[in-house]
Amino acid sequence: MLKKVFVSPDPGRTRLRFAARAVLGIGSAVVLCGLAGTSLVGAIVGGLAALLALFTVTDATVRGQAVTTALLPVAGVPVLTAAAALHDLPVVRDLTFLAVVGAGVYARRWGPRGHSLGVFAFMTFFIAQFLHATPDRLPEMYAAVLLSVATAAAVRFGLWCYERRRPAPTVPAPPAAGGFARITTRQAVQATAGAGFALVVGQMVSGDRWYWAVGATWWVFVNTTSRGETLVRGFRRVLGTVVGIGLGFLVAVPVAGAPVPTAVLAAACVFGIFYTAAVSYTWMMLCVTLLAELLYGLLGFLSPGLLALRVAETGVGALGAALAVLFVLPVTTHAVTDAWIQRALRCVHACTAEAAARLAGTEGADPAPRVAELEQLLGRVRMSVAPLVHPLSPMYGRRRRARRVLGLLDDCAREIRGLVAVAADPEASHDARLAAACWRVEAAVEALTGRDTAPSPGADQGGACHVRAGVPRAAEPALAHLHDLERALAELAAPLRSPSGSRLAGA
């Protein structure tokens, strides 16, 4: 697990910059809230609002990110008002919370902006429960939210806007459908049902901290699509929480809310959340859990009993999510996995074409954004295939094939990165053999994705799927990477299809 976090590729050091900028933005927001005269509660609200503004906004362009960030208070302030106003009306409050859950998940149908606004709205309601917000605290909380979102925006779009130098890639979502065939609609129903279970059982476990169970259900559904992904994420959430609780006994409990060490450890947790989010949900949850423990220490509520309760409520929430995805409008793992693999393969071809164009001297050809997109797509493939490669999976044959697919896709990504590095060399020259090799890559991708198109002029008969292992590596670096890419694509044909022809054996 350590190797996965610290050895995983980080093209352009994006994760490192993402995490470092988050520490700067959130720290600045908390300091400004303190200078503005807010209480400890206001500073916590501000810090969490800044965290969400920096973490959840993922639009493809800087302009889109700025618009979404500006809209966050529009989604959050009314929800915060409702949560505080309904503080003493538990039945109405609970029904409103479930409505926020359903609306927040359904909003994902409108892409990254809908997703960001849905998460911010949900978390605003959650934070109100976390801090036991009442109407008299609303003015201070409004000010903290607005000031912190503005501070996060100033850091993200002014002080440290690295996206301007390299546009954020757009990762396509699975194709939409209508009615209950639409994945976001099914997930909205699932999340609401799971949150309802978590709310009821969570209140039986604790009348004060029941919202932890609802929060666990919500976050299990974030960035998942199929039932397999959701089940694995639920397991990882519980695992990360348990390990984080254990670490909390060693770190958060002894610190006991002391301001300076708590601030330092909280900054380290924020860095960990942002740095690990893309590669390890378990590690991210460990950091989230430890951060929550530190905040409870500041508020004076931290105790071993509270930590044990956190584990119990997290288990209730994960169970609610599991029951919902298994029995309420389930979405199969196979369809989602197949869609993401096909997108990744097509991106491999797009990367190859851009790199070849760069080598040929085509003005404006830049494969770097495509490589970043490929990394994101491979992350989605890993998440989708995770149920199959999990050590507890009883389907040994499918697990072996899925691991083979992931390994070969990683080989493709490695060769693409090498090819792009060669293409970046201004002295690299175009070779006529590059065009033929790129055509073979195109033919191989089309064969693997089931697209029936004629091979491009100059392609070998049958494309890359018939490249033999004994073909020697080319001496020229770009051709060497292309030839190895061809081999990886050729070897992908077998594990991607079962004897009956279905990908990953209908996983």
Protein backbone atom coordinates (compact mmCIF):
# COMPACT_ATOMS: atom_id res chain seq x y z
CA MET A 1 0.00 0.00 0.00
CA LEU A 2 2.89 2.38 0.76
CA LYS A 3 4.41 1.60 -2.63
CA LYS A 4 1.13 2.37 -4.38
CA VAL A 5 0.98 5.84 -2.82
CA PHE A 6 4.61 6.93 -3.13
CA VAL A 7 5.73 5.13 -6.30
CA SER A 8 2.64 5.71 -8.47
CA PRO A 9 3.34 7.89 -11.53
CA ASP A 10 2.77 11.61 -10.97
CA PRO A 11 3.09 13.22 -14.42
CA GLY A 12 4.13 16.84 -14.08
CA ARG A 13 4.08 16.39 -10.28
CA THR A 14 0.37 17.20 -10.45
CA ARG A 15 -0.54 15.39 -7.23
CA LEU A 16 2.30 17.06 -5.36
CA ARG A 17 1.25 20.51 -6.51
CA PHE A 18 -2.41 19.69 -5.86
CA ALA A 19 -1.62 18.78 -2.25
CA ALA A 20 0.79 21.65 -1.60
CA ARG A 21 -1.66 24.20 -3.00
CA ALA A 22 -4.41 22.75 -0.80
CA VAL A 23 -2.33 23.27 2.35
CA LEU A 24 -1.63 26.86 1.30
CA GLY A 25 -5.26 27.62 0.36
CA ILE A 26 -6.88 26.02 3.40
CA GLY A 27 -4.29 27.40 5.81
CA SER A 28 -4.79 30.90 4.39
CA ALA A 29 -8.57 30.58 4.73
CA VAL A 30 -8.33 29.54 8.38
CA VAL A 31 -5.90 32.38 9.18
CA LEU A 32 -8.13 34.96 7.50
CA CYS A 33 -11.19 33.66 9.35
CA GLY A 34 -9.27 34.08 12.60
CA LEU A 35 -8.20 37.62 11.64
CA ALA A 36 -11.82 38.42 10.79
CA GLY A 37 -12.78 37.61 14.37
CA THR A 38 -14.66 34.36 13.87
CA SER A 39 -14.83 31.81 16.68
CA LEU A 40 -13.23 28.36 16.58
CA VAL A 41 -16.43 27.02 15.03
CA GLY A 42 -16.27 29.66 12.30
CA ALA A 43 -12.63 28.85 11.58
CA ILE A 44 -13.47 25.13 11.25
CA VAL A 45 -16.37 25.93 8.91
CA GLY A 46 -14.06 28.10 6.84
CA GLY A 47 -11.32 25.50 6.66
CA LEU A 48 -13.72 22.76 5.57
CA ALA A 49 -15.35 25.06 2.99
CA ALA A 50 -11.94 25.87 1.52
CA LEU A 51 -11.04 22.16 1.49
CA LEU A 52 -14.18 21.35 -0.47
CA ALA A 53 -13.64 24.25 -2.88
CA LEU A 54 -10.14 23.00 -3.69
CA PHE A 55 -10.97 19.28 -3.70
CA THR A 56 -14.30 18.89 -5.46
CA VAL A 57 -14.06 21.35 -8.38
CA THR A 58 -12.80 19.38 -11.39
CA ASP A 59 -14.04 21.18 -14.51
CA ALA A 60 -11.93 20.69 -17.63
CA THR A 61 -10.98 24.38 -18.03
CA VAL A 62 -9.77 27.04 -15.63
CA ARG A 63 -12.72 29.23 -16.56
CA GLY A 64 -15.13 26.41 -15.83
CA GLN A 65 -13.43 25.78 -12.48
CA ALA A 66 -13.77 29.47 -11.59
CA VAL A 67 -17.49 29.50 -12.44
CA THR A 68 -18.13 26.35 -10.40
CA THR A 69 -16.19 27.74 -7.44
CA ALA A 70 -18.25 30.93 -7.56
CA LEU A 71 -21.45 28.85 -7.51
CA LEU A 72 -20.48 26.81 -4.44
CA PRO A 73 -21.98 29.28 -1.91
CA VAL A 74 -25.15 29.43 -4.02
CA ALA A 75 -25.58 25.70 -3.41
CA GLY A 76 -24.24 25.65 0.13
CA VAL A 77 -25.75 28.67 1.90
CA PRO A 78 -29.44 27.67 1.45
CA VAL A 79 -28.62 24.13 2.63
CA LEU A 80 -26.73 25.50 5.63
CA THR A 81 -29.72 27.71 6.45
CA ALA A 82 -32.13 24.79 6.27
CA ALA A 83 -29.88 22.55 8.40
CA ALA A 84 -29.60 25.17 11.14
CA ALA A 85 -33.28 26.13 11.03
CA LEU A 86 -34.36 22.48 11.35
CA HIS A 87 -31.97 21.71 14.19
CA ASP A 88 -34.84 21.23 16.69
CA LEU A 89 -37.16 19.43 14.23
CA PRO A 90 -35.48 16.04 13.86
CA VAL A 91 -38.04 14.35 11.59
CA VAL A 92 -38.15 17.24 9.10
CA ARG A 93 -34.38 17.62 9.37
CA ASP A 94 -33.82 13.95 8.54
CA LEU A 95 -36.17 14.00 5.55
CA THR A 96 -34.47 17.16 4.28
CA PHE A 97 -31.07 15.52 4.67
CA LEU A 98 -32.20 12.55 2.57
CA ALA A 99 -33.56 14.94 -0.06
CA VAL A 100 -30.15 16.66 -0.19
CA VAL A 101 -28.49 13.25 -0.62
CA GLY A 102 -30.73 12.31 -3.55
CA ALA A 103 -30.47 15.71 -5.24
CA GLY A 104 -26.70 15.81 -4.75
CA VAL A 105 -26.19 12.46 -6.47
CA TYR A 106 -28.73 13.19 -9.21
CA ALA A 107 -26.89 16.44 -10.00
CA ARG A 108 -24.01 14.36 -11.38
CA ARG A 109 -25.93 14.03 -14.62
CA TRP A 110 -24.75 17.60 -15.38
CA GLY A 111 -21.11 16.61 -15.29
CA PRO A 112 -18.28 17.88 -13.08
CA ARG A 113 -20.12 21.07 -12.11
CA GLY A 114 -23.21 19.20 -10.97
CA HIS A 115 -21.02 16.77 -9.06
CA SER A 116 -19.13 19.58 -7.29
CA LEU A 117 -22.26 21.49 -6.32
CA GLY A 118 -23.92 18.28 -5.10
CA VAL A 119 -20.94 17.39 -2.90
CA PHE A 120 -20.73 20.93 -1.49
CA ALA A 121 -24.45 20.99 -0.69
CA PHE A 122 -24.30 17.62 1.07
CA MET A 123 -21.18 18.49 3.04
CA THR A 124 -22.68 21.82 4.12
CA PHE A 125 -25.59 19.95 5.70
CA PHE A 126 -23.15 17.44 7.20
CA ILE A 127 -20.94 20.19 8.67
CA ALA A 128 -24.01 21.77 10.27
CA GLN A 129 -24.67 18.48 12.07
CA PHE A 130 -20.98 18.07 12.93
CA LEU A 131 -20.93 21.47 14.65
CA HIS A 132 -24.55 21.38 15.92
CA ALA A 133 -25.32 24.58 14.05
CA THR A 134 -28.25 26.68 15.28
CA PRO A 135 -29.82 29.78 13.66
CA ASP A 136 -27.92 32.18 15.93
CA ARG A 137 -24.62 30.92 14.45
CA LEU A 138 -25.66 31.43 10.84
CA PRO A 139 -24.22 34.96 10.26
CA GLU A 140 -20.77 33.84 11.40
CA MET A 141 -20.98 30.64 9.33
CA TYR A 142 -22.10 32.56 6.23
CA ALA A 143 -19.12 34.90 6.58
CA ALA A 144 -16.73 31.99 7.07
CA VAL A 145 -18.00 30.14 3.99
CA LEU A 146 -17.86 33.20 1.72
CA LEU A 147 -14.45 34.34 2.97
CA SER A 148 -12.92 30.87 2.71
CA VAL A 149 -14.27 30.08 -0.75
CA ALA A 150 -12.96 33.46 -1.93
CA THR A 151 -9.55 32.77 -0.36
CA ALA A 152 -9.38 29.30 -1.93
CA ALA A 153 -10.29 30.85 -5.30
CA ALA A 154 -7.60 33.52 -4.95
CA VAL A 155 -4.97 30.84 -4.32
CA ARG A 156 -6.24 28.49 -7.03
CA PHE A 157 -6.80 31.02 -9.82
CA GLY A 158 -4.36 33.75 -8.88
CA LEU A 159 -1.45 32.77 -6.70
CA TRP A 160 -0.96 29.19 -7.96
CA CYS A 161 -2.86 28.43 -11.14
CA TYR A 162 -0.74 25.66 -12.63
CA GLU A 163 -3.67 24.47 -14.79
CA ARG A 164 -3.13 27.47 -17.10
CA ARG A 165 0.15 25.99 -18.20
CA ARG A 166 -1.34 22.56 -18.78
CA PRO A 167 -5.11 22.37 -19.34
CA ALA A 168 -6.92 19.81 -17.19
CA PRO A 169 -7.95 16.77 -19.24
CA THR A 170 -11.58 15.93 -19.83
CA VAL A 171 -12.42 12.35 -18.96
CA PRO A 172 -15.61 11.24 -20.74
CA ALA A 173 -18.35 9.70 -18.65
CA PRO A 174 -20.20 6.52 -19.58
CA PRO A 175 -22.94 7.14 -22.15
CA ALA A 176 -26.16 8.60 -20.78
CA ALA A 177 -29.59 7.02 -21.07
CA GLY A 178 -33.11 7.97 -20.07
CA GLY A 179 -35.19 7.27 -16.98
CA PHE A 180 -33.96 4.58 -14.63
CA ALA A 181 -31.52 3.41 -17.31
CA ARG A 182 -29.49 6.55 -16.57
CA ILE A 183 -26.74 5.68 -14.11
CA THR A 184 -27.02 8.94 -12.17
CA THR A 185 -30.76 8.36 -11.64
CA ARG A 186 -30.18 4.84 -10.38
CA GLN A 187 -27.39 6.04 -8.10
CA ALA A 188 -29.56 8.83 -6.70
CA VAL A 189 -32.19 6.27 -5.72
CA GLN A 190 -29.52 3.92 -4.34
CA ALA A 191 -27.79 6.64 -2.33
CA THR A 192 -31.07 7.88 -0.86
CA ALA A 193 -32.10 4.35 0.11
CA GLY A 194 -28.67 3.60 1.60
CA ALA A 195 -28.60 6.92 3.46
CA GLY A 196 -32.09 6.24 4.83
CA PHE A 197 -30.90 2.92 6.23
CA ALA A 198 -27.76 4.56 7.65
CA LEU A 199 -29.77 7.39 9.20
CA VAL A 200 -32.22 5.10 11.00
CA VAL A 201 -29.66 2.55 12.21
CA GLY A 202 -27.10 5.28 12.92
CA GLN A 203 -29.55 7.00 15.27
CA MET A 204 -30.09 3.70 17.05
CA VAL A 205 -26.33 3.52 17.60
CA SER A 206 -25.98 7.17 18.65
CA GLY A 207 -28.47 10.00 18.86
CA ASP A 208 -25.65 12.57 18.63
CA ARG A 209 -23.27 11.19 15.97
CA TRP A 210 -25.70 9.43 13.61
CA TYR A 211 -24.69 11.73 10.73
CA TRP A 212 -21.36 9.89 10.52
CA ALA A 213 -23.23 6.88 9.13
CA VAL A 214 -24.98 9.03 6.51
CA GLY A 215 -21.67 10.63 5.58
CA ALA A 216 -20.06 7.21 5.16
CA THR A 217 -22.84 6.12 2.80
CA TRP A 218 -22.55 9.33 0.78
CA TRP A 219 -18.78 9.17 0.29
CA VAL A 220 -18.91 5.50 -0.67
CA PHE A 221 -21.04 6.54 -3.65
CA VAL A 222 -18.76 9.41 -4.75
CA ASN A 223 -16.84 8.60 -7.96
CA THR A 224 -18.22 5.07 -8.16
CA THR A 225 -20.55 3.69 -10.79
CA SER A 226 -21.06 -0.05 -10.50
CA ARG A 227 -22.07 -2.19 -7.53
CA GLY A 228 -18.62 -3.80 -7.51
CA GLU A 229 -16.85 -0.43 -7.26
CA THR A 230 -19.19 0.65 -4.47
CA LEU A 231 -18.68 -2.52 -2.45
CA VAL A 232 -14.90 -2.27 -2.72
CA ARG A 233 -14.97 1.41 -1.79
CA GLY A 234 -17.14 0.63 1.24
CA PHE A 235 -14.60 -1.95 2.39
CA ARG A 236 -11.73 0.51 1.87
CA ARG A 237 -13.57 3.24 3.73
CA VAL A 238 -14.02 1.00 6.77
CA LEU A 239 -10.38 -0.12 6.54
CA GLY A 240 -9.08 3.44 6.27
CA THR A 241 -11.27 4.53 9.17
CA VAL A 242 -10.14 1.69 11.42
CA VAL A 243 -6.46 2.34 10.69
CA GLY A 244 -7.02 6.08 11.14
CA ILE A 245 -8.69 5.48 14.50
CA GLY A 246 -5.74 3.36 15.59
CA LEU A 247 -3.37 6.13 14.53
CA GLY A 248 -5.57 8.64 16.35
CA PHE A 249 -4.96 6.85 19.65
CA LEU A 250 -1.24 7.37 19.06
CA VAL A 251 -1.39 10.94 17.72
CA ALA A 252 -4.67 12.83 18.22
CA VAL A 253 -5.50 11.66 21.75
CA PRO A 254 -2.08 12.60 23.23
CA VAL A 255 -2.16 16.00 21.47
CA ALA A 256 -5.59 16.63 23.08
CA GLY A 257 -6.39 19.76 21.08
CA ALA A 258 -3.16 21.69 21.76
CA PRO A 259 -3.30 24.46 19.10
CA VAL A 260 0.21 24.39 17.58
CA PRO A 261 0.73 20.62 17.20
CA THR A 262 -2.89 20.24 16.09
CA ALA A 263 -2.38 22.85 13.36
CA VAL A 264 0.80 21.13 12.14
CA LEU A 265 -0.80 17.69 12.11
CA ALA A 266 -3.95 19.03 10.45
CA ALA A 267 -1.83 20.52 7.67
CA ALA A 268 -0.12 17.14 7.21
CA CYS A 269 -3.54 15.45 7.03
CA VAL A 270 -4.76 17.93 4.41
CA PHE A 271 -1.64 17.26 2.34
CA GLY A 272 -2.22 13.52 2.70
CA ILE A 273 -5.88 13.77 1.65
CA PHE A 274 -5.05 15.61 -1.55
CA TYR A 275 -1.87 13.69 -2.36
CA THR A 276 -3.34 10.21 -1.93
CA ALA A 277 -6.88 10.78 -3.24
CA ALA A 278 -6.07 9.78 -6.83
CA VAL A 279 -4.21 6.58 -5.97
CA SER A 280 -5.50 5.14 -2.67
CA TYR A 281 -8.94 5.63 -1.16
CA THR A 282 -7.83 3.76 1.98
CA TRP A 283 -4.97 6.19 2.59
CA MET A 284 -7.20 9.16 1.89
CA MET A 285 -9.74 7.90 4.45
CA LEU A 286 -6.97 7.38 6.99
CA CYS A 287 -6.03 11.06 6.60
CA VAL A 288 -9.67 12.20 6.71
CA THR A 289 -10.27 10.21 9.90
CA LEU A 290 -7.18 11.60 11.60
CA LEU A 291 -8.18 15.15 10.57
CA ALA A 292 -11.65 14.65 12.08
CA GLU A 293 -10.06 13.40 15.30
CA LEU A 294 -7.84 16.47 15.49
CA LEU A 295 -10.87 18.75 14.98
CA TYR A 296 -12.76 16.97 17.75
CA GLY A 297 -9.70 17.46 19.92
CA LEU A 298 -9.86 21.21 19.26
CA LEU A 299 -13.55 21.22 20.16
CA GLY A 300 -12.84 19.31 23.38
CA PHE A 301 -14.89 16.23 22.49
CA LEU A 302 -12.19 13.68 21.69
CA SER A 303 -12.23 10.46 23.71
CA PRO A 304 -11.61 6.73 23.14
CA GLY A 305 -15.36 6.15 23.28
CA LEU A 306 -15.93 8.68 20.51
CA LEU A 307 -13.35 6.96 18.32
CA ALA A 308 -15.02 3.58 18.81
CA LEU A 309 -18.36 5.16 17.92
CA ARG A 310 -16.82 6.53 14.72
CA VAL A 311 -15.89 3.01 13.64
CA ALA A 312 -19.38 1.69 14.40
CA GLU A 313 -21.15 4.49 12.50
CA THR A 314 -18.80 4.09 9.53
CA GLY A 315 -19.64 0.39 9.43
CA VAL A 316 -23.35 1.18 9.46
CA GLY A 317 -22.93 3.63 6.56
CA ALA A 318 -20.87 1.18 4.49
CA LEU A 319 -23.48 -1.53 5.13
CA GLY A 320 -26.23 0.82 3.98
CA ALA A 321 -24.37 1.53 0.74
CA ALA A 322 -23.73 -2.19 0.18
CA LEU A 323 -27.38 -3.16 0.65
CA ALA A 324 -28.49 -0.34 -1.65
CA VAL A 325 -26.21 -1.26 -4.56
CA LEU A 326 -27.01 -4.96 -4.24
CA PHE A 327 -30.79 -4.71 -4.07
CA VAL A 328 -31.86 -1.29 -5.41
CA LEU A 329 -31.51 -0.85 -9.19
CA PRO A 330 -28.03 -2.48 -9.34
CA VAL A 331 -25.51 -1.39 -11.99
CA THR A 332 -23.30 -4.30 -13.15
CA THR A 333 -19.53 -4.08 -13.05
CA HIS A 334 -19.12 -5.55 -16.54
CA ALA A 335 -20.77 -2.76 -18.54
CA VAL A 336 -18.89 -0.01 -16.72
CA THR A 337 -15.51 -1.77 -16.88
CA ASP A 338 -15.84 -2.40 -20.60
CA ALA A 339 -16.68 1.25 -21.28
CA TRP A 340 -13.67 2.59 -19.37
CA ILE A 341 -11.24 0.11 -20.96
CA GLN A 342 -12.40 1.10 -24.44
CA ARG A 343 -11.95 4.77 -23.63
CA ALA A 344 -8.46 4.12 -22.31
CA LEU A 345 -7.50 2.23 -25.47
CA ARG A 346 -8.79 5.00 -27.71
CA CYS A 347 -6.82 7.50 -25.66
CA VAL A 348 -3.70 5.37 -26.24
CA HIS A 349 -4.21 5.83 -29.95
CA ALA A 350 -4.84 9.58 -29.56
CA CYS A 351 -1.61 9.94 -27.55
CA THR A 352 0.31 8.05 -30.22
CA ALA A 353 -1.10 10.20 -33.01
CA GLU A 354 -0.27 13.45 -31.18
CA ALA A 355 3.28 12.28 -30.45
CA ALA A 356 3.81 11.24 -34.06
CA ALA A 357 2.49 14.60 -35.25
CA ARG A 358 4.89 16.33 -32.88
CA LEU A 359 7.79 14.31 -34.27
CA ALA A 360 6.67 15.22 -37.78
CA GLY A 361 6.89 18.89 -36.88
CA THR A 362 3.15 19.59 -36.97
CA GLU A 363 2.53 23.00 -35.42
CA GLY A 364 0.43 22.89 -32.25
CA ALA A 365 0.75 19.13 -31.74
CA ASP A 366 0.98 18.53 -27.99
CA PRO A 367 0.54 15.02 -26.55
CA ALA A 368 0.95 16.13 -22.91
CA PRO A 369 -2.77 16.79 -22.22
CA ARG A 370 -3.60 13.42 -23.78
CA VAL A 371 -1.12 11.70 -21.49
CA ALA A 372 -2.73 13.35 -18.46
CA GLU A 373 -6.13 12.20 -19.74
CA LEU A 374 -4.79 8.67 -20.15
CA GLU A 375 -3.60 8.63 -16.54
CA GLN A 376 -7.07 9.65 -15.37
CA LEU A 377 -8.73 7.05 -17.56
CA LEU A 378 -6.42 4.33 -16.24
CA GLY A 379 -7.38 5.43 -12.74
CA ARG A 380 -11.03 4.90 -13.67
CA VAL A 381 -10.19 1.48 -15.13
CA ARG A 382 -8.41 0.47 -11.90
CA MET A 383 -11.37 1.60 -9.83
CA SER A 384 -13.82 -0.27 -12.04
CA VAL A 385 -11.76 -3.47 -12.10
CA ALA A 386 -11.00 -3.29 -8.37
CA PRO A 387 -13.80 -5.76 -7.43
CA LEU A 388 -12.22 -8.38 -9.70
CA VAL A 389 -8.63 -7.98 -8.50
CA HIS A 390 -9.51 -7.75 -4.82
CA PRO A 391 -7.72 -10.50 -2.81
CA LEU A 392 -11.07 -11.71 -1.45
CA SER A 393 -12.60 -12.16 -4.89
CA PRO A 394 -13.56 -15.86 -5.32
CA MET A 395 -13.39 -15.67 -9.15
CA TYR A 396 -9.74 -16.66 -9.64
CA GLY A 397 -9.84 -16.84 -13.44
CA ARG A 398 -11.39 -13.40 -13.83
CA ARG A 399 -9.07 -11.96 -11.20
CA ARG A 400 -6.04 -13.27 -13.10
CA ARG A 401 -7.32 -11.88 -16.42
CA ALA A 402 -8.18 -8.52 -14.86
CA ARG A 403 -4.70 -8.21 -13.38
CA ARG A 404 -3.22 -9.07 -16.76
CA VAL A 405 -5.31 -6.35 -18.41
CA LEU A 406 -4.21 -3.77 -15.82
CA GLY A 407 -0.57 -4.78 -16.24
CA LEU A 408 -0.70 -4.47 -20.03
CA LEU A 409 -2.53 -1.13 -19.86
CA ASP A 410 0.20 0.10 -17.51
CA ASP A 411 2.76 -1.12 -20.07
CA CYS A 412 0.95 0.91 -22.72
CA ALA A 413 1.02 3.99 -20.53
CA ARG A 414 4.74 3.53 -19.84
CA GLU A 415 5.54 3.29 -23.55
CA ILE A 416 3.35 6.31 -24.28
CA ARG A 417 5.21 8.35 -21.67
CA GLY A 418 8.52 7.28 -23.21
CA LEU A 419 7.30 8.16 -26.70
CA VAL A 420 6.14 11.59 -25.56
CA ALA A 421 9.48 12.23 -23.87
CA VAL A 422 11.24 11.45 -27.15
CA ALA A 423 8.82 13.65 -29.08
CA ALA A 424 9.59 16.54 -26.73
CA ASP A 425 13.21 16.52 -27.91
CA PRO A 426 13.50 19.32 -30.50
CA GLU A 427 16.23 17.37 -32.32
CA ALA A 428 14.08 14.24 -32.75
CA SER A 429 13.36 13.66 -36.43
CA HIS A 430 10.41 12.11 -38.16
CA ASP A 431 10.90 8.69 -39.75
CA ALA A 432 8.56 7.23 -42.36
CA ARG A 433 8.43 4.07 -40.26
CA LEU A 434 6.72 6.05 -37.48
CA ALA A 435 3.63 6.55 -39.62
CA ALA A 436 3.38 2.84 -40.36
CA ALA A 437 3.82 1.97 -36.69
CA CYS A 438 1.14 4.48 -35.68
CA TRP A 439 -1.24 3.01 -38.25
CA ARG A 440 -0.64 -0.42 -36.75
CA VAL A 441 -1.43 0.97 -33.29
CA GLU A 442 -4.65 2.45 -34.67
CA ALA A 443 -5.62 -0.88 -36.22
CA ALA A 444 -4.90 -2.70 -32.97
CA VAL A 445 -7.03 -0.28 -30.94
CA GLU A 446 -9.89 -0.58 -33.42
CA ALA A 447 -9.71 -4.37 -33.23
CA LEU A 448 -9.76 -4.32 -29.43
CA THR A 449 -12.62 -1.84 -29.18
CA GLY A 450 -14.73 -3.65 -31.76
CA ARG A 451 -14.75 -0.86 -34.34
CA ASP A 452 -14.96 -2.32 -37.81
CA THR A 453 -12.88 0.06 -39.91
CA ALA A 454 -10.47 -0.55 -42.72
CA PRO A 455 -6.77 -0.29 -41.90
CA SER A 456 -5.05 2.95 -42.78
CA PRO A 457 -2.78 3.04 -45.83
CA GLY A 458 0.60 1.52 -45.10
CA ALA A 459 -0.58 -0.60 -42.15
CA ASP A 460 0.54 -4.19 -41.94
CA GLN A 461 -2.09 -6.80 -42.71
CA GLY A 462 -3.96 -7.61 -39.54
CA GLY A 463 -2.47 -4.67 -37.65
CA ALA A 464 -0.59 -4.91 -34.38
CA CYS A 465 -2.64 -7.83 -33.12
CA HIS A 466 -0.41 -10.12 -35.20
CA VAL A 467 2.96 -8.74 -34.07
CA ARG A 468 5.11 -11.65 -32.91
CA ALA A 469 7.16 -11.59 -29.74
CA GLY A 470 10.33 -12.26 -31.75
CA VAL A 471 10.24 -8.99 -33.69
CA PRO A 472 13.43 -7.07 -32.75
CA ARG A 473 13.28 -3.67 -31.08
CA ALA A 474 13.97 -0.75 -33.38
CA ALA A 475 17.14 1.18 -32.70
CA GLU A 476 15.46 4.58 -32.97
CA PRO A 477 13.91 5.43 -29.54
CA ALA A 478 10.49 6.50 -30.80
CA LEU A 479 10.13 3.36 -32.90
CA ALA A 480 11.27 1.25 -29.96
CA HIS A 481 8.46 2.65 -27.81
CA LEU A 482 5.94 2.16 -30.62
CA HIS A 483 6.99 -1.43 -31.18
CA ASP A 484 6.67 -2.21 -27.46
CA LEU A 485 3.28 -0.51 -27.49
CA GLU A 486 2.24 -2.74 -30.37
CA ARG A 487 3.26 -5.83 -28.42
CA ALA A 488 1.27 -4.75 -25.37
CA LEU A 489 -1.81 -4.13 -27.51
CA ALA A 490 -1.37 -7.50 -29.20
CA GLU A 491 -1.19 -9.27 -25.85
CA LEU A 492 -4.31 -7.45 -24.61
CA ALA A 493 -6.53 -9.33 -27.07
CA ALA A 494 -6.50 -12.60 -25.10
CA PRO A 495 -7.35 -11.39 -21.56
CA LEU A 496 -9.93 -8.90 -22.81
CA ARG A 497 -12.05 -11.65 -24.32
CA SER A 498 -13.36 -14.91 -22.93
CA PRO A 499 -13.88 -17.95 -25.16
CA SER A 500 -17.39 -16.70 -25.78
CA GLY A 501 -16.10 -13.30 -26.85
CA SER A 502 -17.29 -11.16 -23.96
CA ARG A 503 -14.75 -8.84 -22.36
CA LEU A 504 -13.29 -9.93 -19.04
CA ALA A 505 -15.61 -12.90 -19.05
CA GLY A 506 -18.69 -10.87 -18.32
CA ALA A 507 -17.24 -9.39 -15.14
